[in-house]
């Protein structure tokens, strides 16, 4: 299948939103799938050290009250299987199942390891425990995480008196937020860190400003 050019849709949609600075009293809902590729693994590390990299990253950027939502990588066919195969083929990333232990050394590169669903599932299980110990809430979606990410953000916006910022790269999440957010909710933002450059800050897109 041809890959949809979602970046064009996202660019056009962003034209109708207000871009606002970060609010101090804000909760974050983070796409765990994007997070796995956001942190760069240190060389010659153990799996436990790599997990700690992620915990430190989440704590420093989003705080201990953040919610991190992960895909379910071992539940069978997914609507994103073709997308994942396409990305792995483009990057030349393949990997066998790795005998994974918390204190064992990292024996393959990051992209290759994460290209294998079994490896990713085992690593995510360890990461969820570490994030939970640090005070973060983690959610394991029943299938694809996009719907769970949006649901978590909407629940916070509807029931708590604070703004919520969704940190994700997928245009599908932006579309669902625009569809489901209502003016009576607290302010909901969409943040794509991939848009950040050396000279620009992360843009917090106010979803409610388009309603």
N, C-alpha and C. Protein backbone atom coordinates (compact mmCIF):
# COMPACT_ATOMS: atom_id res chain seq x y z
N UNK A 1 0.84 -1.20 0.00
CA UNK A 1 0.00 0.00 0.00
C UNK A 1 0.87 1.25 0.00
N UNK A 2 0.36 2.31 -0.62
CA UNK A 2 1.06 3.58 -0.57
C UNK A 2 0.89 4.20 0.80
N UNK A 3 1.96 4.78 1.29
CA UNK A 3 1.92 5.40 2.60
C UNK A 3 1.20 6.75 2.52
N UNK A 4 0.23 6.96 3.39
CA UNK A 4 -0.51 8.22 3.39
C UNK A 4 0.40 9.37 3.78
N UNK A 5 0.24 10.51 3.12
CA UNK A 5 1.06 11.68 3.42
C UNK A 5 0.38 12.49 4.53
N UNK A 6 0.45 11.95 5.74
CA UNK A 6 -0.25 12.58 6.87
C UNK A 6 0.39 13.90 7.27
N UNK A 7 1.67 14.09 6.96
CA UNK A 7 2.34 15.33 7.35
C UNK A 7 1.68 16.54 6.69
N UNK A 8 1.18 16.37 5.45
CA UNK A 8 0.50 17.47 4.76
C UNK A 8 -0.80 17.81 5.48
N UNK A 9 -1.56 16.78 5.86
CA UNK A 9 -2.80 17.00 6.60
C UNK A 9 -2.52 17.70 7.92
N UNK A 10 -1.51 17.22 8.65
CA UNK A 10 -1.18 17.83 9.95
C UNK A 10 -0.77 19.29 9.79
N UNK A 11 0.00 19.59 8.75
CA UNK A 11 0.44 20.96 8.51
C UNK A 11 -0.73 21.88 8.26
N UNK A 12 -1.70 21.42 7.46
CA UNK A 12 -2.87 22.23 7.17
C UNK A 12 -3.74 22.42 8.41
N UNK A 13 -3.87 21.37 9.22
CA UNK A 13 -4.69 21.46 10.42
C UNK A 13 -4.10 22.44 11.42
N UNK A 14 -2.77 22.47 11.53
CA UNK A 14 -2.13 23.33 12.52
C UNK A 14 -2.35 24.81 12.22
N UNK A 15 -2.69 25.15 10.98
CA UNK A 15 -2.91 26.55 10.62
C UNK A 15 -4.08 27.16 11.38
N UNK A 16 -5.04 26.34 11.81
CA UNK A 16 -6.23 26.85 12.48
C UNK A 16 -6.14 26.88 13.99
N UNK A 17 -4.97 26.54 14.55
CA UNK A 17 -4.83 26.47 16.00
C UNK A 17 -3.97 27.61 16.55
N UNK A 18 -4.23 27.96 17.80
CA UNK A 18 -3.36 28.90 18.51
C UNK A 18 -2.16 28.14 19.06
N UNK A 19 -0.97 28.74 18.96
CA UNK A 19 0.25 28.17 19.54
C UNK A 19 0.56 28.94 20.81
N UNK A 20 0.64 28.24 21.92
CA UNK A 20 0.76 28.89 23.21
C UNK A 20 1.97 28.39 23.99
N UNK A 21 2.48 29.19 24.93
CA UNK A 21 3.61 28.75 25.77
C UNK A 21 3.18 27.67 26.75
N UNK A 22 4.16 26.99 27.31
CA UNK A 22 3.89 25.92 28.25
C UNK A 22 3.30 26.47 29.54
N UNK A 23 2.25 25.83 30.04
CA UNK A 23 1.66 26.20 31.32
C UNK A 23 2.32 25.41 32.44
N UNK A 24 2.45 26.04 33.59
CA UNK A 24 3.12 25.37 34.71
C UNK A 24 2.28 24.22 35.26
N UNK A 25 0.98 24.45 35.41
CA UNK A 25 0.10 23.41 35.96
C UNK A 25 -0.48 22.59 34.81
N UNK A 26 0.31 21.67 34.30
CA UNK A 26 -0.10 20.88 33.15
C UNK A 26 0.26 19.42 33.36
N UNK A 27 -0.65 18.53 32.97
CA UNK A 27 -0.36 17.11 32.98
C UNK A 27 -0.06 16.64 31.56
N UNK A 28 0.82 15.68 31.43
CA UNK A 28 1.22 15.18 30.13
C UNK A 28 0.74 13.75 29.93
N UNK A 29 0.21 13.48 28.74
CA UNK A 29 -0.08 12.12 28.29
C UNK A 29 0.87 11.84 27.14
N UNK A 30 1.72 10.84 27.30
CA UNK A 30 2.84 10.62 26.39
C UNK A 30 2.64 9.33 25.59
N UNK A 31 2.85 9.41 24.30
CA UNK A 31 2.82 8.24 23.42
C UNK A 31 4.08 7.41 23.68
N UNK A 32 3.89 6.25 24.32
CA UNK A 32 5.03 5.41 24.69
C UNK A 32 5.77 4.85 23.49
N UNK A 33 5.05 4.61 22.38
CA UNK A 33 5.71 4.10 21.19
C UNK A 33 6.70 5.08 20.62
N UNK A 34 6.31 6.36 20.55
CA UNK A 34 7.24 7.39 20.09
C UNK A 34 8.37 7.59 21.09
N UNK A 35 8.05 7.46 22.37
CA UNK A 35 9.06 7.63 23.42
C UNK A 35 10.19 6.62 23.27
N UNK A 36 9.86 5.38 22.88
CA UNK A 36 10.89 4.35 22.75
C UNK A 36 11.97 4.75 21.77
N UNK A 37 11.60 5.52 20.74
CA UNK A 37 12.57 5.94 19.73
C UNK A 37 13.14 7.32 20.01
N UNK A 38 12.58 8.03 20.98
CA UNK A 38 13.03 9.39 21.28
C UNK A 38 14.34 9.39 22.06
N UNK A 39 14.49 8.47 22.99
CA UNK A 39 15.69 8.38 23.83
C UNK A 39 16.75 7.56 23.10
N UNK A 40 17.96 8.06 23.02
CA UNK A 40 19.06 7.35 22.36
C UNK A 40 19.86 6.57 23.38
N UNK A 41 19.97 5.28 23.16
CA UNK A 41 20.64 4.40 24.11
C UNK A 41 22.14 4.68 24.17
N UNK A 42 22.65 4.71 25.38
CA UNK A 42 24.10 4.86 25.56
C UNK A 42 24.79 3.56 25.19
N UNK A 43 25.98 3.67 24.62
CA UNK A 43 26.73 2.48 24.24
C UNK A 43 27.29 1.78 25.48
N UNK A 44 27.47 0.47 25.35
CA UNK A 44 28.07 -0.35 26.42
C UNK A 44 27.27 -0.27 27.71
N UNK A 45 25.93 -0.21 27.58
CA UNK A 45 25.06 -0.12 28.74
C UNK A 45 24.41 -1.46 29.03
N UNK A 46 23.88 -1.60 30.23
CA UNK A 46 23.02 -2.72 30.56
C UNK A 46 21.58 -2.33 30.25
N UNK A 47 20.69 -3.29 30.19
CA UNK A 47 19.28 -3.00 29.95
C UNK A 47 18.71 -2.13 31.07
N UNK A 48 19.14 -2.36 32.31
CA UNK A 48 18.67 -1.56 33.43
C UNK A 48 19.09 -0.10 33.28
N UNK A 49 20.32 0.12 32.80
CA UNK A 49 20.79 1.49 32.61
C UNK A 49 20.01 2.20 31.51
N UNK A 50 19.68 1.46 30.46
CA UNK A 50 18.89 2.04 29.38
C UNK A 50 17.50 2.42 29.88
N UNK A 51 16.89 1.55 30.65
CA UNK A 51 15.57 1.85 31.23
C UNK A 51 15.65 3.11 32.08
N UNK A 52 16.73 3.25 32.84
CA UNK A 52 16.89 4.44 33.68
C UNK A 52 17.02 5.70 32.84
N UNK A 53 17.59 5.58 31.63
CA UNK A 53 17.64 6.72 30.72
C UNK A 53 16.24 7.23 30.42
N UNK A 54 15.33 6.29 30.16
CA UNK A 54 13.95 6.67 29.85
C UNK A 54 13.27 7.31 31.06
N UNK A 55 13.48 6.74 32.23
CA UNK A 55 12.86 7.29 33.44
C UNK A 55 13.35 8.72 33.67
N UNK A 56 14.65 8.94 33.53
CA UNK A 56 15.20 10.28 33.72
C UNK A 56 14.65 11.25 32.69
N UNK A 57 14.50 10.78 31.47
CA UNK A 57 13.97 11.62 30.39
C UNK A 57 12.53 12.04 30.70
N UNK A 58 11.69 11.08 31.10
CA UNK A 58 10.30 11.38 31.40
C UNK A 58 10.19 12.30 32.61
N UNK A 59 10.97 12.04 33.65
CA UNK A 59 10.91 12.86 34.85
C UNK A 59 11.31 14.30 34.56
N UNK A 60 12.35 14.49 33.76
CA UNK A 60 12.86 15.84 33.50
C UNK A 60 11.96 16.64 32.57
N UNK A 61 11.28 15.97 31.64
CA UNK A 61 10.48 16.69 30.65
C UNK A 61 9.00 16.77 31.01
N UNK A 62 8.46 15.74 31.65
CA UNK A 62 7.02 15.66 31.86
C UNK A 62 6.61 15.54 33.32
N UNK A 63 7.52 15.16 34.20
CA UNK A 63 7.21 15.08 35.61
C UNK A 63 6.62 13.74 36.03
N UNK A 64 6.53 13.53 37.32
CA UNK A 64 6.09 12.23 37.86
C UNK A 64 4.59 12.04 37.76
N UNK A 65 3.83 13.08 37.41
CA UNK A 65 2.38 12.94 37.29
C UNK A 65 1.96 12.63 35.85
N UNK A 66 2.92 12.39 34.98
CA UNK A 66 2.59 12.11 33.59
C UNK A 66 2.00 10.72 33.42
N UNK A 67 1.30 10.52 32.30
CA UNK A 67 0.72 9.23 31.94
C UNK A 67 1.38 8.78 30.64
N UNK A 68 1.98 7.60 30.64
CA UNK A 68 2.66 7.07 29.45
C UNK A 68 1.85 5.88 28.94
N UNK A 69 1.46 5.94 27.68
CA UNK A 69 0.58 4.91 27.10
C UNK A 69 1.37 4.11 26.06
N UNK A 70 1.36 2.78 26.22
CA UNK A 70 2.10 1.90 25.32
C UNK A 70 1.15 1.05 24.49
N UNK A 71 1.59 0.71 23.29
CA UNK A 71 0.88 -0.27 22.47
C UNK A 71 0.92 -1.64 23.13
N UNK A 72 0.02 -2.52 22.70
CA UNK A 72 0.13 -3.93 23.03
C UNK A 72 0.82 -4.61 21.86
N UNK A 73 2.06 -5.00 22.04
CA UNK A 73 2.87 -5.47 20.92
C UNK A 73 2.71 -6.96 20.62
N UNK A 74 1.96 -7.69 21.46
CA UNK A 74 1.91 -9.14 21.31
C UNK A 74 0.49 -9.68 21.17
N UNK A 75 -0.45 -8.84 20.66
CA UNK A 75 -1.84 -9.28 20.60
C UNK A 75 -2.28 -9.67 19.19
N UNK A 76 -1.35 -9.90 18.28
CA UNK A 76 -1.73 -10.33 16.94
C UNK A 76 -1.73 -9.18 15.96
N UNK A 77 -2.39 -9.37 14.81
CA UNK A 77 -2.37 -8.37 13.74
C UNK A 77 -2.88 -7.01 14.20
N UNK A 78 -2.28 -5.95 13.66
CA UNK A 78 -2.64 -4.58 13.98
C UNK A 78 -2.79 -3.79 12.69
N UNK A 79 -3.58 -2.71 12.75
CA UNK A 79 -3.76 -1.86 11.57
C UNK A 79 -2.47 -1.14 11.21
N UNK A 80 -1.48 -1.15 12.12
CA UNK A 80 -0.22 -0.47 11.84
C UNK A 80 0.90 -1.43 11.47
N UNK A 81 0.59 -2.71 11.28
CA UNK A 81 1.63 -3.68 10.94
C UNK A 81 2.35 -3.29 9.65
N UNK A 82 1.59 -2.84 8.65
CA UNK A 82 2.21 -2.47 7.38
C UNK A 82 3.14 -1.28 7.57
N UNK A 83 2.71 -0.30 8.38
CA UNK A 83 3.54 0.86 8.65
C UNK A 83 4.84 0.47 9.32
N UNK A 84 4.76 -0.45 10.30
CA UNK A 84 5.95 -0.88 11.02
C UNK A 84 6.90 -1.64 10.10
N UNK A 85 6.34 -2.51 9.23
CA UNK A 85 7.18 -3.25 8.29
C UNK A 85 7.86 -2.29 7.31
N UNK A 86 7.13 -1.29 6.87
CA UNK A 86 7.69 -0.31 5.95
C UNK A 86 8.85 0.44 6.59
N UNK A 87 8.68 0.87 7.86
CA UNK A 87 9.73 1.61 8.55
C UNK A 87 10.95 0.74 8.78
N UNK A 88 10.74 -0.51 9.19
CA UNK A 88 11.87 -1.40 9.43
C UNK A 88 12.62 -1.71 8.15
N UNK A 89 11.88 -1.86 7.04
CA UNK A 89 12.53 -2.11 5.76
C UNK A 89 13.35 -0.90 5.33
N UNK A 90 12.79 0.30 5.53
CA UNK A 90 13.49 1.52 5.14
C UNK A 90 14.76 1.71 5.95
N UNK A 91 14.70 1.36 7.23
CA UNK A 91 15.87 1.52 8.09
C UNK A 91 16.81 0.32 8.04
N UNK A 92 16.37 -0.75 7.37
CA UNK A 92 17.17 -1.96 7.34
C UNK A 92 17.28 -2.61 8.70
N UNK A 93 16.22 -2.52 9.50
CA UNK A 93 16.24 -3.00 10.88
C UNK A 93 15.55 -4.34 11.02
N UNK A 94 16.29 -5.36 11.41
CA UNK A 94 15.72 -6.66 11.75
C UNK A 94 16.46 -7.18 12.96
N UNK A 95 15.81 -8.05 13.71
CA UNK A 95 16.46 -8.58 14.90
C UNK A 95 15.81 -9.88 15.31
N UNK A 96 16.59 -10.85 15.76
CA UNK A 96 16.01 -12.06 16.35
C UNK A 96 15.51 -11.75 17.75
N UNK A 97 14.82 -12.69 18.36
CA UNK A 97 14.40 -12.53 19.75
C UNK A 97 15.64 -12.60 20.63
N UNK A 98 15.80 -11.59 21.48
CA UNK A 98 16.97 -11.49 22.35
C UNK A 98 16.61 -12.04 23.74
N UNK A 99 17.51 -12.86 24.31
CA UNK A 99 17.33 -13.31 25.69
C UNK A 99 17.53 -12.10 26.59
N UNK A 100 16.43 -11.60 27.11
CA UNK A 100 16.41 -10.30 27.77
C UNK A 100 16.41 -10.44 29.27
N UNK A 101 17.34 -9.75 29.93
CA UNK A 101 17.41 -9.73 31.39
C UNK A 101 17.78 -8.32 31.82
N UNK A 102 17.25 -7.90 32.96
CA UNK A 102 17.44 -6.53 33.42
C UNK A 102 18.90 -6.12 33.48
N UNK A 103 19.75 -7.01 33.99
CA UNK A 103 21.15 -6.63 34.21
C UNK A 103 22.09 -7.14 33.12
N UNK A 104 21.53 -7.72 32.07
CA UNK A 104 22.38 -8.17 30.97
C UNK A 104 22.77 -6.98 30.10
N UNK A 105 23.90 -7.07 29.41
CA UNK A 105 24.33 -5.96 28.54
C UNK A 105 23.48 -5.87 27.30
N UNK A 106 23.40 -4.68 26.74
CA UNK A 106 22.72 -4.48 25.47
C UNK A 106 23.60 -5.07 24.37
N UNK A 107 23.04 -6.02 23.61
CA UNK A 107 23.87 -6.78 22.65
C UNK A 107 23.55 -6.43 21.20
N UNK A 108 22.63 -5.49 20.97
CA UNK A 108 22.31 -5.10 19.60
C UNK A 108 21.96 -3.63 19.60
N UNK A 109 21.90 -3.03 18.41
CA UNK A 109 21.59 -1.60 18.37
C UNK A 109 20.10 -1.37 18.62
N UNK A 110 19.77 -0.14 18.96
CA UNK A 110 18.42 0.21 19.39
C UNK A 110 17.36 -0.08 18.33
N UNK A 111 17.59 0.36 17.10
CA UNK A 111 16.58 0.19 16.06
C UNK A 111 16.33 -1.28 15.75
N UNK A 112 17.39 -2.07 15.72
CA UNK A 112 17.23 -3.50 15.44
C UNK A 112 16.46 -4.19 16.55
N UNK A 113 16.80 -3.87 17.80
CA UNK A 113 16.13 -4.48 18.94
C UNK A 113 14.64 -4.16 18.93
N UNK A 114 14.29 -2.90 18.69
CA UNK A 114 12.90 -2.47 18.74
C UNK A 114 12.10 -2.90 17.51
N UNK A 115 12.79 -3.40 16.47
CA UNK A 115 12.09 -3.89 15.29
C UNK A 115 11.42 -5.23 15.53
N UNK A 116 11.79 -5.91 16.62
CA UNK A 116 11.21 -7.20 16.96
C UNK A 116 10.15 -7.01 18.05
N UNK A 117 8.92 -7.42 17.77
CA UNK A 117 7.80 -7.17 18.69
C UNK A 117 8.01 -7.85 20.05
N UNK A 118 8.61 -9.03 20.05
CA UNK A 118 8.84 -9.73 21.32
C UNK A 118 9.85 -8.98 22.17
N UNK A 119 10.93 -8.52 21.55
CA UNK A 119 11.91 -7.73 22.29
C UNK A 119 11.28 -6.46 22.85
N UNK A 120 10.50 -5.79 22.01
CA UNK A 120 9.88 -4.53 22.42
C UNK A 120 8.92 -4.76 23.58
N UNK A 121 8.17 -5.85 23.53
CA UNK A 121 7.22 -6.14 24.60
C UNK A 121 7.93 -6.38 25.93
N UNK A 122 9.01 -7.15 25.90
CA UNK A 122 9.76 -7.42 27.14
C UNK A 122 10.38 -6.15 27.69
N UNK A 123 10.92 -5.33 26.80
CA UNK A 123 11.54 -4.08 27.26
C UNK A 123 10.49 -3.15 27.84
N UNK A 124 9.32 -3.08 27.21
CA UNK A 124 8.24 -2.22 27.69
C UNK A 124 7.76 -2.66 29.06
N UNK A 125 7.68 -3.96 29.30
CA UNK A 125 7.28 -4.47 30.62
C UNK A 125 8.23 -3.97 31.70
N UNK A 126 9.52 -4.01 31.41
CA UNK A 126 10.52 -3.54 32.38
C UNK A 126 10.42 -2.03 32.57
N UNK A 127 10.20 -1.32 31.48
CA UNK A 127 10.10 0.14 31.55
C UNK A 127 8.87 0.58 32.33
N UNK A 128 7.75 -0.12 32.16
CA UNK A 128 6.54 0.23 32.91
C UNK A 128 6.76 0.10 34.41
N UNK A 129 7.44 -0.94 34.82
CA UNK A 129 7.73 -1.12 36.25
C UNK A 129 8.58 0.03 36.78
N UNK A 130 9.60 0.41 36.01
CA UNK A 130 10.49 1.48 36.45
C UNK A 130 9.77 2.82 36.51
N UNK A 131 8.93 3.10 35.52
CA UNK A 131 8.17 4.35 35.53
C UNK A 131 7.17 4.37 36.69
N UNK A 132 6.55 3.22 36.95
CA UNK A 132 5.62 3.13 38.07
C UNK A 132 6.32 3.39 39.40
N UNK A 133 7.51 2.85 39.56
CA UNK A 133 8.29 3.08 40.79
C UNK A 133 8.64 4.56 40.95
N UNK A 134 8.77 5.27 39.82
CA UNK A 134 9.09 6.69 39.86
C UNK A 134 7.86 7.56 40.05
N UNK A 135 6.67 6.96 40.08
CA UNK A 135 5.44 7.69 40.32
C UNK A 135 4.59 7.95 39.11
N UNK A 136 5.06 7.59 37.92
CA UNK A 136 4.29 7.81 36.69
C UNK A 136 3.20 6.74 36.54
N UNK A 137 2.11 7.14 35.95
CA UNK A 137 1.07 6.18 35.59
C UNK A 137 1.37 5.64 34.19
N UNK A 138 1.26 4.34 34.02
CA UNK A 138 1.44 3.74 32.70
C UNK A 138 0.17 3.00 32.31
N UNK A 139 -0.11 3.00 31.01
CA UNK A 139 -1.29 2.33 30.47
C UNK A 139 -0.83 1.41 29.34
N UNK A 140 -1.29 0.16 29.38
CA UNK A 140 -1.03 -0.79 28.30
C UNK A 140 -2.31 -0.90 27.48
N UNK A 141 -2.30 -0.38 26.26
CA UNK A 141 -3.48 -0.43 25.42
C UNK A 141 -3.80 -1.86 25.04
N UNK A 142 -5.07 -2.14 24.78
CA UNK A 142 -5.48 -3.47 24.37
C UNK A 142 -4.97 -3.79 22.97
N UNK A 143 -4.79 -2.77 22.15
CA UNK A 143 -4.27 -2.94 20.79
C UNK A 143 -3.39 -1.77 20.45
N UNK A 144 -3.76 -1.03 19.40
CA UNK A 144 -3.04 0.18 19.05
C UNK A 144 -3.27 1.25 20.11
N UNK A 145 -2.24 2.03 20.41
CA UNK A 145 -2.31 2.95 21.55
C UNK A 145 -3.02 4.26 21.24
N UNK A 146 -3.26 4.59 19.99
CA UNK A 146 -3.79 5.92 19.66
C UNK A 146 -5.08 6.23 20.40
N UNK A 147 -6.03 5.29 20.37
CA UNK A 147 -7.31 5.52 21.04
C UNK A 147 -7.14 5.64 22.55
N UNK A 148 -6.26 4.83 23.13
CA UNK A 148 -6.02 4.89 24.57
C UNK A 148 -5.38 6.22 24.97
N UNK A 149 -4.50 6.75 24.14
CA UNK A 149 -3.87 8.04 24.41
C UNK A 149 -4.92 9.14 24.44
N UNK A 150 -5.78 9.17 23.44
CA UNK A 150 -6.82 10.19 23.37
C UNK A 150 -7.79 10.03 24.53
N UNK A 151 -8.18 8.80 24.85
CA UNK A 151 -9.11 8.56 25.96
C UNK A 151 -8.54 9.05 27.28
N UNK A 152 -7.26 8.78 27.52
CA UNK A 152 -6.63 9.22 28.77
C UNK A 152 -6.61 10.74 28.86
N UNK A 153 -6.30 11.41 27.74
CA UNK A 153 -6.26 12.87 27.74
C UNK A 153 -7.64 13.47 27.97
N UNK A 154 -8.65 12.90 27.34
CA UNK A 154 -10.01 13.42 27.48
C UNK A 154 -10.53 13.22 28.90
N UNK A 155 -10.19 12.08 29.51
CA UNK A 155 -10.63 11.83 30.88
C UNK A 155 -10.03 12.87 31.83
N UNK A 156 -8.76 13.19 31.65
CA UNK A 156 -8.11 14.20 32.49
C UNK A 156 -8.73 15.57 32.26
N UNK A 157 -8.93 15.93 30.99
CA UNK A 157 -9.48 17.25 30.66
C UNK A 157 -10.90 17.42 31.16
N UNK A 158 -11.65 16.33 31.23
CA UNK A 158 -13.05 16.41 31.65
C UNK A 158 -13.23 16.36 33.16
N UNK A 159 -12.29 15.72 33.87
CA UNK A 159 -12.52 15.47 35.30
C UNK A 159 -11.57 16.22 36.23
N UNK A 160 -10.51 16.79 35.69
CA UNK A 160 -9.55 17.51 36.54
C UNK A 160 -9.46 18.97 36.09
N UNK A 161 -9.16 19.83 37.04
CA UNK A 161 -9.08 21.26 36.75
C UNK A 161 -7.65 21.66 36.39
N UNK A 162 -7.15 21.08 35.32
CA UNK A 162 -5.80 21.42 34.85
C UNK A 162 -5.71 21.13 33.37
N UNK A 163 -4.79 21.81 32.72
CA UNK A 163 -4.57 21.58 31.29
C UNK A 163 -3.87 20.24 31.09
N UNK A 164 -4.07 19.66 29.92
CA UNK A 164 -3.42 18.39 29.59
C UNK A 164 -2.77 18.54 28.22
N UNK A 165 -1.56 18.03 28.10
CA UNK A 165 -0.82 18.11 26.84
C UNK A 165 -0.51 16.70 26.36
N UNK A 166 -0.91 16.40 25.13
CA UNK A 166 -0.68 15.09 24.53
C UNK A 166 0.60 15.16 23.71
N UNK A 167 1.59 14.37 24.09
CA UNK A 167 2.88 14.36 23.40
C UNK A 167 2.90 13.15 22.47
N UNK A 168 2.79 13.41 21.17
CA UNK A 168 2.70 12.33 20.20
C UNK A 168 3.12 12.85 18.83
N UNK A 169 3.41 11.91 17.92
CA UNK A 169 3.80 12.29 16.57
C UNK A 169 2.74 11.93 15.53
N UNK A 170 1.78 11.10 15.89
CA UNK A 170 0.83 10.56 14.92
C UNK A 170 -0.29 11.55 14.63
N UNK A 171 -0.50 11.84 13.36
CA UNK A 171 -1.57 12.75 12.95
C UNK A 171 -2.94 12.20 13.33
N UNK A 172 -3.08 10.86 13.39
CA UNK A 172 -4.36 10.27 13.78
C UNK A 172 -4.79 10.75 15.16
N UNK A 173 -3.84 10.90 16.07
CA UNK A 173 -4.15 11.36 17.42
C UNK A 173 -4.64 12.80 17.39
N UNK A 174 -3.99 13.63 16.59
CA UNK A 174 -4.44 15.02 16.44
C UNK A 174 -5.86 15.08 15.91
N UNK A 175 -6.17 14.27 14.90
CA UNK A 175 -7.51 14.26 14.31
C UNK A 175 -8.55 13.84 15.35
N UNK A 176 -8.26 12.80 16.13
CA UNK A 176 -9.21 12.33 17.14
C UNK A 176 -9.43 13.36 18.23
N UNK A 177 -8.37 14.06 18.62
CA UNK A 177 -8.52 15.11 19.63
C UNK A 177 -9.43 16.22 19.13
N UNK A 178 -9.21 16.65 17.89
CA UNK A 178 -10.06 17.70 17.31
C UNK A 178 -11.52 17.27 17.28
N UNK A 179 -11.75 16.00 17.00
CA UNK A 179 -13.13 15.50 16.90
C UNK A 179 -13.80 15.40 18.26
N UNK A 180 -13.07 14.98 19.29
CA UNK A 180 -13.71 14.64 20.56
C UNK A 180 -13.63 15.72 21.63
N UNK A 181 -12.70 16.65 21.54
CA UNK A 181 -12.59 17.69 22.57
C UNK A 181 -13.79 18.63 22.49
N UNK A 182 -14.31 19.01 23.65
CA UNK A 182 -15.44 19.95 23.72
C UNK A 182 -15.04 21.15 24.58
N UNK A 183 -15.67 22.31 24.34
CA UNK A 183 -15.26 23.54 25.04
C UNK A 183 -15.35 23.48 26.56
N UNK A 184 -16.21 22.62 27.10
CA UNK A 184 -16.38 22.55 28.56
C UNK A 184 -15.19 21.89 29.26
N UNK A 185 -14.33 21.25 28.50
CA UNK A 185 -13.16 20.58 29.09
C UNK A 185 -12.07 21.60 29.41
N UNK A 186 -11.13 21.18 30.26
CA UNK A 186 -9.92 21.97 30.46
C UNK A 186 -9.14 22.02 29.14
N UNK A 187 -8.21 22.94 29.05
CA UNK A 187 -7.47 23.13 27.81
C UNK A 187 -6.67 21.87 27.45
N UNK A 188 -6.78 21.46 26.20
CA UNK A 188 -6.05 20.30 25.69
C UNK A 188 -5.08 20.75 24.63
N UNK A 189 -3.83 20.34 24.77
CA UNK A 189 -2.79 20.68 23.80
C UNK A 189 -2.30 19.43 23.09
N UNK A 190 -1.80 19.64 21.89
CA UNK A 190 -1.12 18.59 21.13
C UNK A 190 0.31 19.05 20.90
N UNK A 191 1.27 18.19 21.25
CA UNK A 191 2.68 18.53 21.14
C UNK A 191 3.39 17.49 20.29
N UNK A 192 4.06 17.95 19.25
CA UNK A 192 4.89 17.06 18.44
C UNK A 192 6.34 17.49 18.58
N UNK A 193 7.11 16.70 19.32
CA UNK A 193 8.49 17.07 19.56
C UNK A 193 9.37 16.92 18.33
N UNK A 194 8.89 16.18 17.34
CA UNK A 194 9.65 16.03 16.11
C UNK A 194 9.73 17.35 15.35
N UNK A 195 8.82 18.29 15.66
CA UNK A 195 8.82 19.60 15.01
C UNK A 195 9.88 20.52 15.59
N UNK A 196 10.46 20.15 16.73
CA UNK A 196 11.43 21.01 17.39
C UNK A 196 12.77 20.99 16.65
N UNK A 197 13.38 22.16 16.52
CA UNK A 197 14.72 22.26 15.96
C UNK A 197 15.63 22.93 16.99
N UNK A 198 16.86 23.15 16.62
CA UNK A 198 17.81 23.79 17.53
C UNK A 198 17.36 25.20 17.87
N UNK A 199 16.71 25.87 16.94
CA UNK A 199 16.34 27.28 17.12
C UNK A 199 14.89 27.49 17.50
N UNK A 200 14.10 26.44 17.53
CA UNK A 200 12.68 26.60 17.87
C UNK A 200 12.30 25.75 19.06
N UNK A 201 11.35 26.24 19.84
CA UNK A 201 10.87 25.50 21.00
C UNK A 201 9.76 24.54 20.58
N UNK A 202 9.44 23.61 21.48
CA UNK A 202 8.32 22.71 21.24
C UNK A 202 7.04 23.52 21.19
N UNK A 203 6.18 23.26 20.21
CA UNK A 203 4.95 24.03 20.02
C UNK A 203 3.79 23.31 20.70
N UNK A 204 3.11 24.01 21.60
CA UNK A 204 1.92 23.49 22.25
C UNK A 204 0.70 24.02 21.49
N UNK A 205 0.03 23.14 20.74
CA UNK A 205 -1.10 23.52 19.90
C UNK A 205 -2.38 23.40 20.73
N UNK A 206 -3.08 24.49 20.90
CA UNK A 206 -4.31 24.53 21.69
C UNK A 206 -5.46 23.98 20.84
N UNK A 207 -5.93 22.78 21.16
CA UNK A 207 -6.99 22.13 20.37
C UNK A 207 -8.30 22.91 20.50
N UNK A 208 -8.61 23.38 21.69
CA UNK A 208 -9.89 24.05 21.92
C UNK A 208 -9.97 25.36 21.15
N UNK A 209 -8.83 25.95 20.79
CA UNK A 209 -8.85 27.24 20.08
C UNK A 209 -9.47 27.13 18.69
N UNK A 210 -9.60 25.89 18.18
CA UNK A 210 -10.17 25.70 16.84
C UNK A 210 -11.69 25.49 16.88
N UNK A 211 -12.26 25.32 18.09
CA UNK A 211 -13.68 25.00 18.20
C UNK A 211 -14.55 26.24 18.04
